[in-house]
Amino acid sequence: MALNAKEFALEAVRLLNEKKAVDVILLDLANVSLIADYFIICNGTSKIQTRALCDHLLENLPGEEGYSLLRVEGYRDASWILMDYGVLVIHIFIAEERSFYNLERLWGKATVIDSEPSTASS
């Protein structure tokens, strides 16, 4: 079954959380920008972890669903890795870079999507 763009973005969030990404935020940009429908902004605790987060997505984010990776930028330096899937752009920072660029403020008109797994007990 093919994932829609939001499900694809939520799967990326799940994978990032699986590898202990810090402060993962999913933004809906569909009504704000033509760049992409969704942005994920997160950070790792080190450059080693930012690369590990990127590698985990490269290995596990489904590419056969019609959302192919268009490009990866910044992998070598690893202080800000950008992964562009067309409808979804993923920004993986180290904390200092994330604070400096403050994309959350830049895209302040975007809707933040609750991507936390449900904690309701049955």
PDB file of N, CA and C in Angstrom:
ATOM      1  N   MET A   1       0.838  -1.185   0.000  1.00  0.00           N
ATOM      2  CA  MET A   1       0.000   0.000   0.000  1.00  0.00           C
ATOM      3  C   MET A   1       0.885   1.251   0.000  1.00  0.00           C
ATOM      4  N   ALA A   2       0.630   2.149  -0.913  1.00  0.00           N
ATOM      5  CA  ALA A   2       1.417   3.372  -1.036  1.00  0.00           C
ATOM      6  C   ALA A   2       1.070   4.352   0.080  1.00  0.00           C
ATOM      7  N   LEU A   3       2.081   5.024   0.570  1.00  0.00           N
ATOM      8  CA  LEU A   3       1.900   6.034   1.601  1.00  0.00           C
ATOM      9  C   LEU A   3       1.561   7.368   0.962  1.00  0.00           C
ATOM     10  N   ASN A   4       0.666   8.153   1.602  1.00  0.00           N
ATOM     11  CA  ASN A   4       0.490   9.519   1.124  1.00  0.00           C
ATOM     12  C   ASN A   4       1.627  10.359   1.702  1.00  0.00           C
ATOM     13  N   ALA A   5       1.739  11.602   1.286  1.00  0.00           N
ATOM     14  CA  ALA A   5       2.878  12.442   1.683  1.00  0.00           C
ATOM     15  C   ALA A   5       2.961  12.613   3.198  1.00  0.00           C
ATOM     16  N   LYS A   6       1.838  12.788   3.862  1.00  0.00           N
ATOM     17  CA  LYS A   6       1.848  12.957   5.320  1.00  0.00           C
ATOM     18  C   LYS A   6       2.307  11.667   6.004  1.00  0.00           C
ATOM     19  N   GLU A   7       1.828  10.530   5.548  1.00  0.00           N
ATOM     20  CA  GLU A   7       2.253   9.244   6.121  1.00  0.00           C
ATOM     21  C   GLU A   7       3.742   9.012   5.898  1.00  0.00           C
ATOM     22  N   PHE A   8       4.224   9.415   4.728  1.00  0.00           N
ATOM     23  CA  PHE A   8       5.650   9.307   4.428  1.00  0.00           C
ATOM     24  C   PHE A   8       6.465  10.157   5.409  1.00  0.00           C
ATOM     25  N   ALA A   9       6.014  11.387   5.645  1.00  0.00           N
ATOM     26  CA  ALA A   9       6.689  12.279   6.594  1.00  0.00           C
ATOM     27  C   ALA A   9       6.644  11.700   8.006  1.00  0.00           C
ATOM     28  N   LEU A  10       5.502  11.159   8.401  1.00  0.00           N
ATOM     29  CA  LEU A  10       5.374  10.562   9.736  1.00  0.00           C
ATOM     30  C   LEU A  10       6.271   9.332   9.884  1.00  0.00           C
ATOM     31  N   GLU A  11       6.446   8.581   8.819  1.00  0.00           N
ATOM     32  CA  GLU A  11       7.361   7.430   8.862  1.00  0.00           C
ATOM     33  C   GLU A  11       8.798   7.913   9.054  1.00  0.00           C
ATOM     34  N   ALA A  12       9.159   9.001   8.400  1.00  0.00           N
ATOM     35  CA  ALA A  12      10.498   9.570   8.590  1.00  0.00           C
ATOM     36  C   ALA A  12      10.679  10.019  10.046  1.00  0.00           C
ATOM     37  N   VAL A  13       9.668  10.643  10.624  1.00  0.00           N
ATOM     38  CA  VAL A  13       9.726  11.061  12.031  1.00  0.00           C
ATOM     39  C   VAL A  13       9.920   9.840  12.924  1.00  0.00           C
ATOM     40  N   ARG A  14       9.179   8.777  12.652  1.00  0.00           N
ATOM     41  CA  ARG A  14       9.301   7.551  13.447  1.00  0.00           C
ATOM     42  C   ARG A  14      10.725   7.005  13.391  1.00  0.00           C
ATOM     43  N   LEU A  15      11.291   6.985  12.190  1.00  0.00           N
ATOM     44  CA  LEU A  15      12.657   6.486  12.027  1.00  0.00           C
ATOM     45  C   LEU A  15      13.675   7.366  12.751  1.00  0.00           C
ATOM     46  N   LEU A  16      13.480   8.672  12.706  1.00  0.00           N
ATOM     47  CA  LEU A  16      14.378   9.581  13.420  1.00  0.00           C
ATOM     48  C   LEU A  16      14.280   9.361  14.929  1.00  0.00           C
ATOM     49  N   ASN A  17      13.058   9.197  15.415  1.00  0.00           N
ATOM     50  CA  ASN A  17      12.871   8.941  16.848  1.00  0.00           C
ATOM     51  C   ASN A  17      13.492   7.613  17.260  1.00  0.00           C
ATOM     52  N   GLU A  18      13.418   6.637  16.368  1.00  0.00           N
ATOM     53  CA  GLU A  18      14.006   5.325  16.620  1.00  0.00           C
ATOM     54  C   GLU A  18      15.512   5.434  16.893  1.00  0.00           C
ATOM     55  N   LYS A  19      16.171   6.383  16.235  1.00  0.00           N
ATOM     56  CA  LYS A  19      17.617   6.598  16.404  1.00  0.00           C
ATOM     57  C   LYS A  19      17.917   7.754  17.359  1.00  0.00           C
ATOM     58  N   LYS A  20      16.914   8.131  18.155  1.00  0.00           N
ATOM     59  CA  LYS A  20      17.104   9.127  19.227  1.00  0.00           C
ATOM     60  C   LYS A  20      17.449  10.530  18.728  1.00  0.00           C
ATOM     61  N   ALA A  21      16.823  10.956  17.634  1.00  0.00           N
ATOM     62  CA  ALA A  21      16.966  12.343  17.197  1.00  0.00           C
ATOM     63  C   ALA A  21      16.388  13.251  18.284  1.00  0.00           C
ATOM     64  N   VAL A  22      16.903  14.471  18.376  1.00  0.00           N
ATOM     65  CA  VAL A  22      16.499  15.412  19.415  1.00  0.00           C
ATOM     66  C   VAL A  22      15.548  16.454  18.833  1.00  0.00           C
ATOM     67  N   ASP A  23      14.481  16.777  19.586  1.00  0.00           N
ATOM     68  CA  ASP A  23      13.533  17.842  19.213  1.00  0.00           C
ATOM     69  C   ASP A  23      13.049  17.739  17.770  1.00  0.00           C
ATOM     70  N   VAL A  24      12.436  16.624  17.433  1.00  0.00           N
ATOM     71  CA  VAL A  24      11.925  16.407  16.081  1.00  0.00           C
ATOM     72  C   VAL A  24      10.632  17.204  15.907  1.00  0.00           C
ATOM     73  N   ILE A  25      10.607  18.042  14.884  1.00  0.00           N
ATOM     74  CA  ILE A  25       9.420  18.842  14.574  1.00  0.00           C
ATOM     75  C   ILE A  25       9.025  18.574  13.130  1.00  0.00           C
ATOM     76  N   LEU A  26       7.731  18.321  12.921  1.00  0.00           N
ATOM     77  CA  LEU A  26       7.177  18.133  11.577  1.00  0.00           C
ATOM     78  C   LEU A  26       6.304  19.328  11.259  1.00  0.00           C
ATOM     79  N   LEU A  27       6.623  20.021  10.173  1.00  0.00           N
ATOM     80  CA  LEU A  27       5.881  21.206   9.749  1.00  0.00           C
ATOM     81  C   LEU A  27       5.131  20.923   8.454  1.00  0.00           C
ATOM     82  N   ASP A  28       3.875  21.357   8.396  1.00  0.00           N
ATOM     83  CA  ASP A  28       3.070  21.294   7.179  1.00  0.00           C
ATOM     84  C   ASP A  28       3.235  22.629   6.462  1.00  0.00           C
ATOM     85  N   LEU A  29       3.918  22.610   5.324  1.00  0.00           N
ATOM     86  CA  LEU A  29       4.195  23.829   4.559  1.00  0.00           C
ATOM     87  C   LEU A  29       3.298  23.980   3.336  1.00  0.00           C
ATOM     88  N   ALA A  30       2.351  23.070   3.155  1.00  0.00           N
ATOM     89  CA  ALA A  30       1.560  23.034   1.919  1.00  0.00           C
ATOM     90  C   ALA A  30       0.899  24.374   1.602  1.00  0.00           C
ATOM     91  N   ASN A  31       0.415  25.094   2.609  1.00  0.00           N
ATOM     92  CA  ASN A  31      -0.256  26.366   2.364  1.00  0.00           C
ATOM     93  C   ASN A  31       0.661  27.571   2.545  1.00  0.00           C
ATOM     94  N   VAL A  32       1.957  27.314   2.769  1.00  0.00           N
ATOM     95  CA  VAL A  32       2.900  28.385   3.071  1.00  0.00           C
ATOM     96  C   VAL A  32       3.970  28.534   1.993  1.00  0.00           C
ATOM     97  N   SER A  33       4.355  27.428   1.357  1.00  0.00           N
ATOM     98  CA  SER A  33       5.492  27.450   0.450  1.00  0.00           C
ATOM     99  C   SER A  33       5.327  26.454  -0.696  1.00  0.00           C
ATOM    100  N   LEU A  34       6.017  26.723  -1.782  1.00  0.00           N
ATOM    101  CA  LEU A  34       6.054  25.791  -2.908  1.00  0.00           C
ATOM    102  C   LEU A  34       7.252  24.857  -2.822  1.00  0.00           C
ATOM    103  N   ILE A  35       8.138  25.077  -1.851  1.00  0.00           N
ATOM    104  CA  ILE A  35       9.361  24.282  -1.715  1.00  0.00           C
ATOM    105  C   ILE A  35       9.048  22.813  -1.485  1.00  0.00           C
ATOM    106  N   ALA A  36       8.154  22.549  -0.545  1.00  0.00           N
ATOM    107  CA  ALA A  36       7.795  21.173  -0.181  1.00  0.00           C
ATOM    108  C   ALA A  36       6.488  21.222   0.591  1.00  0.00           C
ATOM    109  N   ASP A  37       5.838  20.077   0.716  1.00  0.00           N
ATOM    110  CA  ASP A  37       4.625  20.010   1.527  1.00  0.00           C
ATOM    111  C   ASP A  37       4.953  19.903   3.011  1.00  0.00           C
ATOM    112  N   TYR A  38       6.073  19.224   3.325  1.00  0.00           N
ATOM    113  CA  TYR A  38       6.440  18.989   4.724  1.00  0.00           C
ATOM    114  C   TYR A  38       7.933  19.220   4.931  1.00  0.00           C
ATOM    115  N   PHE A  39       8.259  19.744   6.101  1.00  0.00           N
ATOM    116  CA  PHE A  39       9.635  19.860   6.576  1.00  0.00           C
ATOM    117  C   PHE A  39       9.738  19.079   7.868  1.00  0.00           C
ATOM    118  N   ILE A  40      10.830  18.381   8.036  1.00  0.00           N
ATOM    119  CA  ILE A  40      11.182  17.835   9.342  1.00  0.00           C
ATOM    120  C   ILE A  40      12.451  18.550   9.764  1.00  0.00           C
ATOM    121  N   ILE A  41      12.448  19.036  10.991  1.00  0.00           N
ATOM    122  CA  ILE A  41      13.618  19.680  11.563  1.00  0.00           C
ATOM    123  C   ILE A  41      13.959  18.917  12.832  1.00  0.00           C
ATOM    124  N   CYS A  42      15.222  18.514  12.955  1.00  0.00           N
ATOM    125  CA  CYS A  42      15.657  17.806  14.157  1.00  0.00           C
ATOM    126  C   CYS A  42      17.141  18.025  14.344  1.00  0.00           C
ATOM    127  N   ASN A  43      17.658  17.560  15.446  1.00  0.00           N
ATOM    128  CA  ASN A  43      19.101  17.604  15.607  1.00  0.00           C
ATOM    129  C   ASN A  43      19.604  16.350  16.286  1.00  0.00           C
ATOM    130  N   GLY A  44      20.899  16.155  16.073  1.00  0.00           N
ATOM    131  CA  GLY A  44      21.616  15.092  16.745  1.00  0.00           C
ATOM    132  C   GLY A  44      22.508  15.707  17.800  1.00  0.00           C
ATOM    133  N   THR A  45      23.087  14.875  18.616  1.00  0.00           N
ATOM    134  CA  THR A  45      23.945  15.364  19.694  1.00  0.00           C
ATOM    135  C   THR A  45      25.388  15.569  19.236  1.00  0.00           C
ATOM    136  N   SER A  46      25.710  15.102  18.041  1.00  0.00           N
ATOM    137  CA  SER A  46      27.060  15.234  17.491  1.00  0.00           C
ATOM    138  C   SER A  46      26.993  15.057  15.980  1.00  0.00           C
ATOM    139  N   LYS A  47      28.088  15.351  15.309  1.00  0.00           N
ATOM    140  CA  LYS A  47      28.149  15.127  13.862  1.00  0.00           C
ATOM    141  C   LYS A  47      28.061  13.636  13.541  1.00  0.00           C
ATOM    142  N   ILE A  48      28.601  12.812  14.415  1.00  0.00           N
ATOM    143  CA  ILE A  48      28.500  11.360  14.215  1.00  0.00           C
ATOM    144  C   ILE A  48      27.030  10.940  14.235  1.00  0.00           C
ATOM    145  N   GLN A  49      26.248  11.493  15.177  1.00  0.00           N
ATOM    146  CA  GLN A  49      24.841  11.123  15.231  1.00  0.00           C
ATOM    147  C   GLN A  49      24.054  11.693  14.055  1.00  0.00           C
ATOM    148  N   THR A  50      24.385  12.914  13.592  1.00  0.00           N
ATOM    149  CA  THR A  50      23.638  13.443  12.443  1.00  0.00           C
ATOM    150  C   THR A  50      23.837  12.542  11.229  1.00  0.00           C
ATOM    151  N   ARG A  51      25.064  12.058  11.031  1.00  0.00           N
ATOM    152  CA  ARG A  51      25.308  11.122   9.925  1.00  0.00           C
ATOM    153  C   ARG A  51      24.546   9.815  10.141  1.00  0.00           C
ATOM    154  N   ALA A  52      24.533   9.329  11.385  1.00  0.00           N
ATOM    155  CA  ALA A  52      23.815   8.083  11.687  1.00  0.00           C
ATOM    156  C   ALA A  52      22.319   8.240  11.427  1.00  0.00           C
ATOM    157  N   LEU A  53      21.767   9.397  11.762  1.00  0.00           N
ATOM    158  CA  LEU A  53      20.342   9.647  11.493  1.00  0.00           C
ATOM    159  C   LEU A  53      20.082   9.634   9.990  1.00  0.00           C
ATOM    160  N   CYS A  54      20.945  10.305   9.237  1.00  0.00           N
ATOM    161  CA  CYS A  54      20.819  10.328   7.783  1.00  0.00           C
ATOM    162  C   CYS A  54      20.941   8.913   7.209  1.00  0.00           C
ATOM    163  N   ASP A  55      21.937   8.177   7.657  1.00  0.00           N
ATOM    164  CA  ASP A  55      22.139   6.805   7.176  1.00  0.00           C
ATOM    165  C   ASP A  55      20.925   5.933   7.467  1.00  0.00           C
ATOM    166  N   HIS A  56      20.353   6.093   8.656  1.00  0.00           N
ATOM    167  CA  HIS A  56      19.178   5.296   9.041  1.00  0.00           C
ATOM    168  C   HIS A  56      18.005   5.594   8.107  1.00  0.00           C
ATOM    169  N   LEU A  57      17.815   6.860   7.778  1.00  0.00           N
ATOM    170  CA  LEU A  57      16.748   7.215   6.832  1.00  0.00           C
ATOM    171  C   LEU A  57      17.044   6.652   5.443  1.00  0.00           C
ATOM    172  N   LEU A  58      18.293   6.771   4.998  1.00  0.00           N
ATOM    173  CA  LEU A  58      18.656   6.251   3.672  1.00  0.00           C
ATOM    174  C   LEU A  58      18.406   4.749   3.571  1.00  0.00           C
ATOM    175  N   GLU A  59      18.646   4.036   4.658  1.00  0.00           N
ATOM    176  CA  GLU A  59      18.477   2.584   4.663  1.00  0.00           C
ATOM    177  C   GLU A  59      17.035   2.137   4.850  1.00  0.00           C
ATOM    178  N   ASN A  60      16.210   2.950   5.515  1.00  0.00           N
ATOM    179  CA  ASN A  60      14.904   2.461   5.947  1.00  0.00           C
ATOM    180  C   ASN A  60      13.689   3.236   5.457  1.00  0.00           C
ATOM    181  N   LEU A  61      13.873   4.436   4.933  1.00  0.00           N
ATOM    182  CA  LEU A  61      12.716   5.189   4.453  1.00  0.00           C
ATOM    183  C   LEU A  61      12.315   4.631   3.093  1.00  0.00           C
ATOM    184  N   PRO A  62      11.081   4.194   2.976  1.00  0.00           N
ATOM    185  CA  PRO A  62      10.670   3.500   1.741  1.00  0.00           C
ATOM    186  C   PRO A  62      10.797   4.387   0.510  1.00  0.00           C
ATOM    187  N   GLY A  63      11.578   3.930  -0.450  1.00  0.00           N
ATOM    188  CA  GLY A  63      11.757   4.667  -1.692  1.00  0.00           C
ATOM    189  C   GLY A  63      10.824   4.210  -2.784  1.00  0.00           C
ATOM    190  N   GLU A  64      10.260   3.025  -2.625  1.00  0.00           N
ATOM    191  CA  GLU A  64       9.402   2.466  -3.665  1.00  0.00           C
ATOM    192  C   GLU A  64       7.998   3.048  -3.657  1.00  0.00           C
ATOM    193  N   GLU A  65       7.713   3.934  -2.696  1.00  0.00           N
ATOM    194  CA  GLU A  65       6.367   4.491  -2.567  1.00  0.00           C
ATOM    195  C   GLU A  65       6.142   5.709  -3.460  1.00  0.00           C
ATOM    196  N   GLY A  66       7.093   6.019  -4.323  1.00  0.00           N
ATOM    197  CA  GLY A  66       6.936   7.174  -5.195  1.00  0.00           C
ATOM    198  C   GLY A  66       7.606   8.422  -4.658  1.00  0.00           C
ATOM    199  N   TYR A  67       8.301   8.299  -3.534  1.00  0.00           N
ATOM    200  CA  TYR A  67       9.017   9.434  -2.957  1.00  0.00           C
ATOM    201  C   TYR A  67      10.501   9.122  -2.985  1.00  0.00           C
ATOM    202  N   SER A  68      11.125   9.419  -4.093  1.00  0.00           N
ATOM    203  CA  SER A  68      12.545   9.092  -4.202  1.00  0.00           C
ATOM    204  C   SER A  68      13.392  10.259  -3.705  1.00  0.00           C
ATOM    205  N   LEU A  69      14.544   9.921  -3.187  1.00  0.00           N
ATOM    206  CA  LEU A  69      15.483  10.917  -2.696  1.00  0.00           C
ATOM    207  C   LEU A  69      16.051  11.679  -3.886  1.00  0.00           C
ATOM    208  N   LEU A  70      15.885  12.988  -3.881  1.00  0.00           N
ATOM    209  CA  LEU A  70      16.396  13.825  -4.965  1.00  0.00           C
ATOM    210  C   LEU A  70      17.837  14.234  -4.725  1.00  0.00           C
ATOM    211  N   ARG A  71      18.162  14.541  -3.453  1.00  0.00           N
ATOM    212  CA  ARG A  71      19.542  14.903  -3.141  1.00  0.00           C
ATOM    213  C   ARG A  71      19.769  14.916  -1.638  1.00  0.00           C
ATOM    214  N   VAL A  72      21.041  14.771  -1.283  1.00  0.00           N
ATOM    215  CA  VAL A  72      21.505  14.918   0.098  1.00  0.00           C
ATOM    216  C   VAL A  72      22.608  15.964   0.074  1.00  0.00           C
ATOM    217  N   GLU A  73      22.493  16.951   0.936  1.00  0.00           N
ATOM    218  CA  GLU A  73      23.505  18.009   1.034  1.00  0.00           C
ATOM    219  C   GLU A  73      24.067  18.027   2.450  1.00  0.00           C
ATOM    220  N   GLY A  74      25.339  18.323   2.586  1.00  0.00           N
ATOM    221  CA  GLY A  74      25.943  18.546   3.889  1.00  0.00           C
ATOM    222  C   GLY A  74      26.396  17.312   4.646  1.00  0.00           C
ATOM    223  N   TYR A  75      26.366  16.150   4.012  1.00  0.00           N
ATOM    224  CA  TYR A  75      26.713  14.909   4.716  1.00  0.00           C
ATOM    225  C   TYR A  75      28.163  14.923   5.201  1.00  0.00           C
ATOM    226  N   ARG A  76      29.069  15.407   4.380  1.00  0.00           N
ATOM    227  CA  ARG A  76      30.495  15.370   4.741  1.00  0.00           C
ATOM    228  C   ARG A  76      30.762  16.192   6.002  1.00  0.00           C
ATOM    229  N   ASP A  77      30.277  17.435   6.046  1.00  0.00           N
ATOM    230  CA  ASP A  77      30.499  18.286   7.226  1.00  0.00           C
ATOM    231  C   ASP A  77      29.616  17.850   8.390  1.00  0.00           C
ATOM    232  N   ALA A  78      28.385  17.458   8.091  1.00  0.00           N
ATOM    233  CA  ALA A  78      27.437  16.873   9.048  1.00  0.00           C
ATOM    234  C   ALA A  78      26.936  17.826  10.123  1.00  0.00           C
ATOM    235  N   SER A  79      27.131  19.122   9.960  1.00  0.00           N
ATOM    236  CA  SER A  79      26.542  20.030  10.938  1.00  0.00           C
ATOM    237  C   SER A  79      25.120  20.423  10.536  1.00  0.00           C
ATOM    238  N   TRP A  80      24.799  20.326   9.240  1.00  0.00           N
ATOM    239  CA  TRP A  80      23.429  20.513   8.745  1.00  0.00           C
ATOM    240  C   TRP A  80      23.294  19.621   7.516  1.00  0.00           C
ATOM    241  N   ILE A  81      22.584  18.527   7.672  1.00  0.00           N
ATOM    242  CA  ILE A  81      22.340  17.618   6.553  1.00  0.00           C
ATOM    243  C   ILE A  81      20.923  17.861   6.055  1.00  0.00           C
ATOM    244  N   LEU A  82      20.799  18.067   4.760  1.00  0.00           N
ATOM    245  CA  LEU A  82      19.503  18.275   4.136  1.00  0.00           C
ATOM    246  C   LEU A  82      19.222  17.089   3.225  1.00  0.00           C
ATOM    247  N   MET A  83      18.041  16.479   3.407  1.00  0.00           N
ATOM    248  CA  MET A  83      17.605  15.376   2.553  1.00  0.00           C
ATOM    249  C   MET A  83      16.325  15.823   1.852  1.00  0.00           C
ATOM    250  N   ASP A  84      16.348  15.850   0.528  1.00  0.00           N
ATOM    251  CA  ASP A  84      15.226  16.356  -0.256  1.00  0.00           C
ATOM    252  C   ASP A  84      14.521  15.207  -0.963  1.00  0.00           C
ATOM    253  N   TYR A  85      13.278  14.985  -0.562  1.00  0.00           N
ATOM    254  CA  TYR A  85      12.438  13.968  -1.189  1.00  0.00           C
ATOM    255  C   TYR A  85      11.321  14.604  -2.029  1.00  0.00           C
ATOM    256  N   GLY A  86      11.453  15.870  -2.371  1.00  0.00           N
ATOM    257  CA  GLY A  86      10.409  16.547  -3.145  1.00  0.00           C
ATOM    258  C   GLY A  86       9.308  17.064  -2.237  1.00  0.00           C
ATOM    259  N   VAL A  87       8.387  16.201  -1.855  1.00  0.00           N
ATOM    260  CA  VAL A  87       7.288  16.609  -0.972  1.00  0.00           C
ATOM    261  C   VAL A  87       7.738  16.788   0.464  1.00  0.00           C
ATOM    262  N   LEU A  88       8.881  16.209   0.803  1.00  0.00           N
ATOM    263  CA  LEU A  88       9.410  16.251   2.166  1.00  0.00           C
ATOM    264  C   LEU A  88      10.877  16.652   2.130  1.00  0.00           C
ATOM    265  N   VAL A  89      11.215  17.654   2.941  1.00  0.00           N
ATOM    266  CA  VAL A  89      12.614  18.043   3.111  1.00  0.00           C
ATOM    267  C   VAL A  89      12.956  17.832   4.579  1.00  0.00           C
ATOM    268  N   ILE A  90      14.037  17.099   4.816  1.00  0.00           N
ATOM    269  CA  ILE A  90      14.456  16.768   6.171  1.00  0.00           C
ATOM    270  C   ILE A  90      15.742  17.529   6.474  1.00  0.00           C
ATOM    271  N   HIS A  91      15.731  18.252   7.596  1.00  0.00           N
ATOM    272  CA  HIS A  91      16.894  19.012   8.055  1.00  0.00           C
ATOM    273  C   HIS A  91      17.396  18.355   9.333  1.00  0.00           C
ATOM    274  N   ILE A  92      18.635  17.862   9.298  1.00  0.00           N
ATOM    275  CA  ILE A  92      19.243  17.236  10.473  1.00  0.00           C
ATOM    276  C   ILE A  92      20.440  18.102  10.870  1.00  0.00           C
ATOM    277  N   PHE A  93      20.340  18.736  12.026  1.00  0.00           N
ATOM    278  CA  PHE A  93      21.355  19.678  12.493  1.00  0.00           C
ATOM    279  C   PHE A  93      22.126  19.135  13.686  1.00  0.00           C
ATOM    280  N   ILE A  94      23.276  19.751  13.949  1.00  0.00           N
ATOM    281  CA  ILE A  94      23.816  19.708  15.297  1.00  0.00           C
ATOM    282  C   ILE A  94      23.175  20.903  16.007  1.00  0.00           C
ATOM    283  N   ALA A  95      23.109  20.874  17.323  1.00  0.00           N
ATOM    284  CA  ALA A  95      22.330  21.864  18.086  1.00  0.00           C
ATOM    285  C   ALA A  95      22.744  23.309  17.790  1.00  0.00           C
ATOM    286  N   GLU A  96      24.031  23.570  17.679  1.00  0.00           N
ATOM    287  CA  GLU A  96      24.503  24.938  17.463  1.00  0.00           C
ATOM    288  C   GLU A  96      24.017  25.494  16.127  1.00  0.00           C
ATOM    289  N   GLU A  97      24.063  24.681  15.098  1.00  0.00           N
ATOM    290  CA  GLU A  97      23.604  25.115  13.771  1.00  0.00           C
ATOM    291  C   GLU A  97      22.090  25.328  13.761  1.00  0.00           C
ATOM    292  N   ARG A  98      21.371  24.427  14.407  1.00  0.00           N
ATOM    293  CA  ARG A  98      19.916  24.570  14.449  1.00  0.00           C
ATOM    294  C   ARG A  98      19.530  25.869  15.140  1.00  0.00           C
ATOM    295  N   SER A  99      20.185  26.163  16.236  1.00  0.00           N
ATOM    296  CA  SER A  99      19.908  27.390  16.969  1.00  0.00           C
ATOM    297  C   SER A  99      20.243  28.618  16.124  1.00  0.00           C
ATOM    298  N   PHE A 100      21.360  28.580  15.411  1.00  0.00           N
ATOM    299  CA  PHE A 100      21.788  29.703  14.591  1.00  0.00           C
ATOM    300  C   PHE A 100      20.812  29.982  13.450  1.00  0.00           C
ATOM    301  N   TYR A 101      20.421  28.945  12.708  1.00  0.00           N
ATOM    302  CA  TYR A 101      19.549  29.137  11.544  1.00  0.00           C
ATOM    303  C   TYR A 101      18.081  29.270  11.912  1.00  0.00           C
ATOM    304  N   ASN A 102      17.663  28.689  13.006  1.00  0.00           N
ATOM    305  CA  ASN A 102      16.316  28.845  13.558  1.00  0.00           C
ATOM    306  C   ASN A 102      15.219  28.731  12.489  1.00  0.00           C
ATOM    307  N   LEU A 103      15.192  27.613  11.791  1.00  0.00           N
ATOM    308  CA  LEU A 103      14.194  27.408  10.736  1.00  0.00           C
ATOM    309  C   LEU A 103      12.769  27.444  11.266  1.00  0.00           C
ATOM    310  N   GLU A 104      12.590  27.068  12.524  1.00  0.00           N
ATOM    311  CA  GLU A 104      11.254  27.107  13.120  1.00  0.00           C
ATOM    312  C   GLU A 104      10.691  28.533  13.077  1.00  0.00           C
ATOM    313  N   ARG A 105      11.537  29.526  13.340  1.00  0.00           N
ATOM    314  CA  ARG A 105      11.092  30.924  13.284  1.00  0.00           C
ATOM    315  C   ARG A 105      10.870  31.342  11.836  1.00  0.00           C
ATOM    316  N   LEU A 106      11.788  30.952  10.952  1.00  0.00           N
ATOM    317  CA  LEU A 106      11.679  31.307   9.539  1.00  0.00           C
ATOM    318  C   LEU A 106      10.374  30.797   8.935  1.00  0.00           C
ATOM    319  N   TRP A 107       9.983  29.584   9.307  1.00  0.00           N
ATOM    320  CA  TRP A 107       8.758  28.982   8.794  1.00  0.00           C
ATOM    321  C   TRP A 107       7.648  29.026   9.849  1.00  0.00           C
ATOM    322  N   GLY A 108       7.594  30.101  10.600  1.00  0.00           N
ATOM    323  CA  GLY A 108       6.650  30.253  11.711  1.00  0.00           C
ATOM    324  C   GLY A 108       5.187  30.178  11.324  1.00  0.00           C
ATOM    325  N   LYS A 109       4.859  30.441  10.063  1.00  0.00           N
ATOM    326  CA  LYS A 109       3.453  30.376   9.633  1.00  0.00           C
ATOM    327  C   LYS A 109       3.011  28.956   9.291  1.00  0.00           C
ATOM    328  N   ALA A 110       3.953  28.038   9.257  1.00  0.00           N
ATOM    329  CA  ALA A 110       3.622  26.639   8.958  1.00  0.00           C
ATOM    330  C   ALA A 110       2.939  26.004  10.163  1.00  0.00           C
ATOM    331  N   THR A 111       2.125  25.011   9.893  1.00  0.00           N
ATOM    332  CA  THR A 111       1.429  24.277  10.946  1.00  0.00           C
ATOM    333  C   THR A 111       2.328  23.173  11.475  1.00  0.00           C
ATOM    334  N   VAL A 112       2.468  23.112  12.798  1.00  0.00           N
ATOM    335  CA  VAL A 112       3.215  22.031  13.421  1.00  0.00           C
ATOM    336  C   VAL A 112       2.284  20.833  13.544  1.00  0.00           C
ATOM    337  N   ILE A 113       2.729  19.690  13.056  1.00  0.00           N
ATOM    338  CA  ILE A 113       1.921  18.474  13.104  1.00  0.00           C
ATOM    339  C   ILE A 113       2.356  17.645  14.308  1.00  0.00           C
ATOM    340  N   ASP A 114       1.394  17.242  15.101  1.00  0.00           N
ATOM    341  CA  ASP A 114       1.687  16.374  16.239  1.00  0.00           C
ATOM    342  C   ASP A 114       2.110  15.025  15.703  1.00  0.00           C
ATOM    343  N   SER A 115       3.365  14.685  15.942  1.00  0.00           N
ATOM    344  CA  SER A 115       3.881  13.424  15.413  1.00  0.00           C
ATOM    345  C   SER A 115       4.232  12.459  16.546  1.00  0.00           C
ATOM    346  N   GLU A 116       3.804  12.792  17.753  1.00  0.00           N
ATOM    347  CA  GLU A 116       4.052  11.894  18.894  1.00  0.00           C
ATOM    348  C   GLU A 116       3.142  10.699  18.812  1.00  0.00           C
ATOM    349  N   PRO A 117       3.675   9.507  19.074  1.00  0.00           N
ATOM    350  CA  PRO A 117       2.810   8.333  19.083  1.00  0.00           C
ATOM    351  C   PRO A 117       1.797   8.449  20.217  1.00  0.00           C
ATOM    352  N   SER A 118       0.632   7.939  19.995  1.00  0.00           N
ATOM    353  CA  SER A 118      -0.414   7.969  21.006  1.00  0.00           C
ATOM    354  C   SER A 118       0.024   7.210  22.236  1.00  0.00           C
ATOM    355  N   THR A 119      -0.210   7.807  23.413  1.00  0.00           N
ATOM    356  CA  THR A 119       0.164   7.162  24.655  1.00  0.00           C
ATOM    357  C   THR A 119      -1.064   6.695  25.425  1.00  0.00           C
ATOM    358  N   ALA A 120      -2.212   6.718  24.782  1.00  0.00           N
ATOM    359  CA  ALA A 120      -3.439   6.285  25.455  1.00  0.00           C
ATOM    360  C   ALA A 120      -3.368   4.787  25.726  1.00  0.00           C
ATOM    361  N   SER A 121      -3.757   4.406  26.936  1.00  0.00           N
ATOM    362  CA  SER A 121      -3.749   2.981  27.267  1.00  0.00           C
ATOM    363  C   SER A 121      -5.133   2.402  27.095  1.00  0.00           C
ATOM    364  N   SER A 122      -5.195   1.106  26.779  1.00  0.00           N
ATOM    365  CA  SER A 122      -6.491   0.493  26.559  1.00  0.00           C
ATOM    366  C   SER A 122      -6.906  -0.366  27.701  1.00  0.00           C
TER     367      SER A 122
END
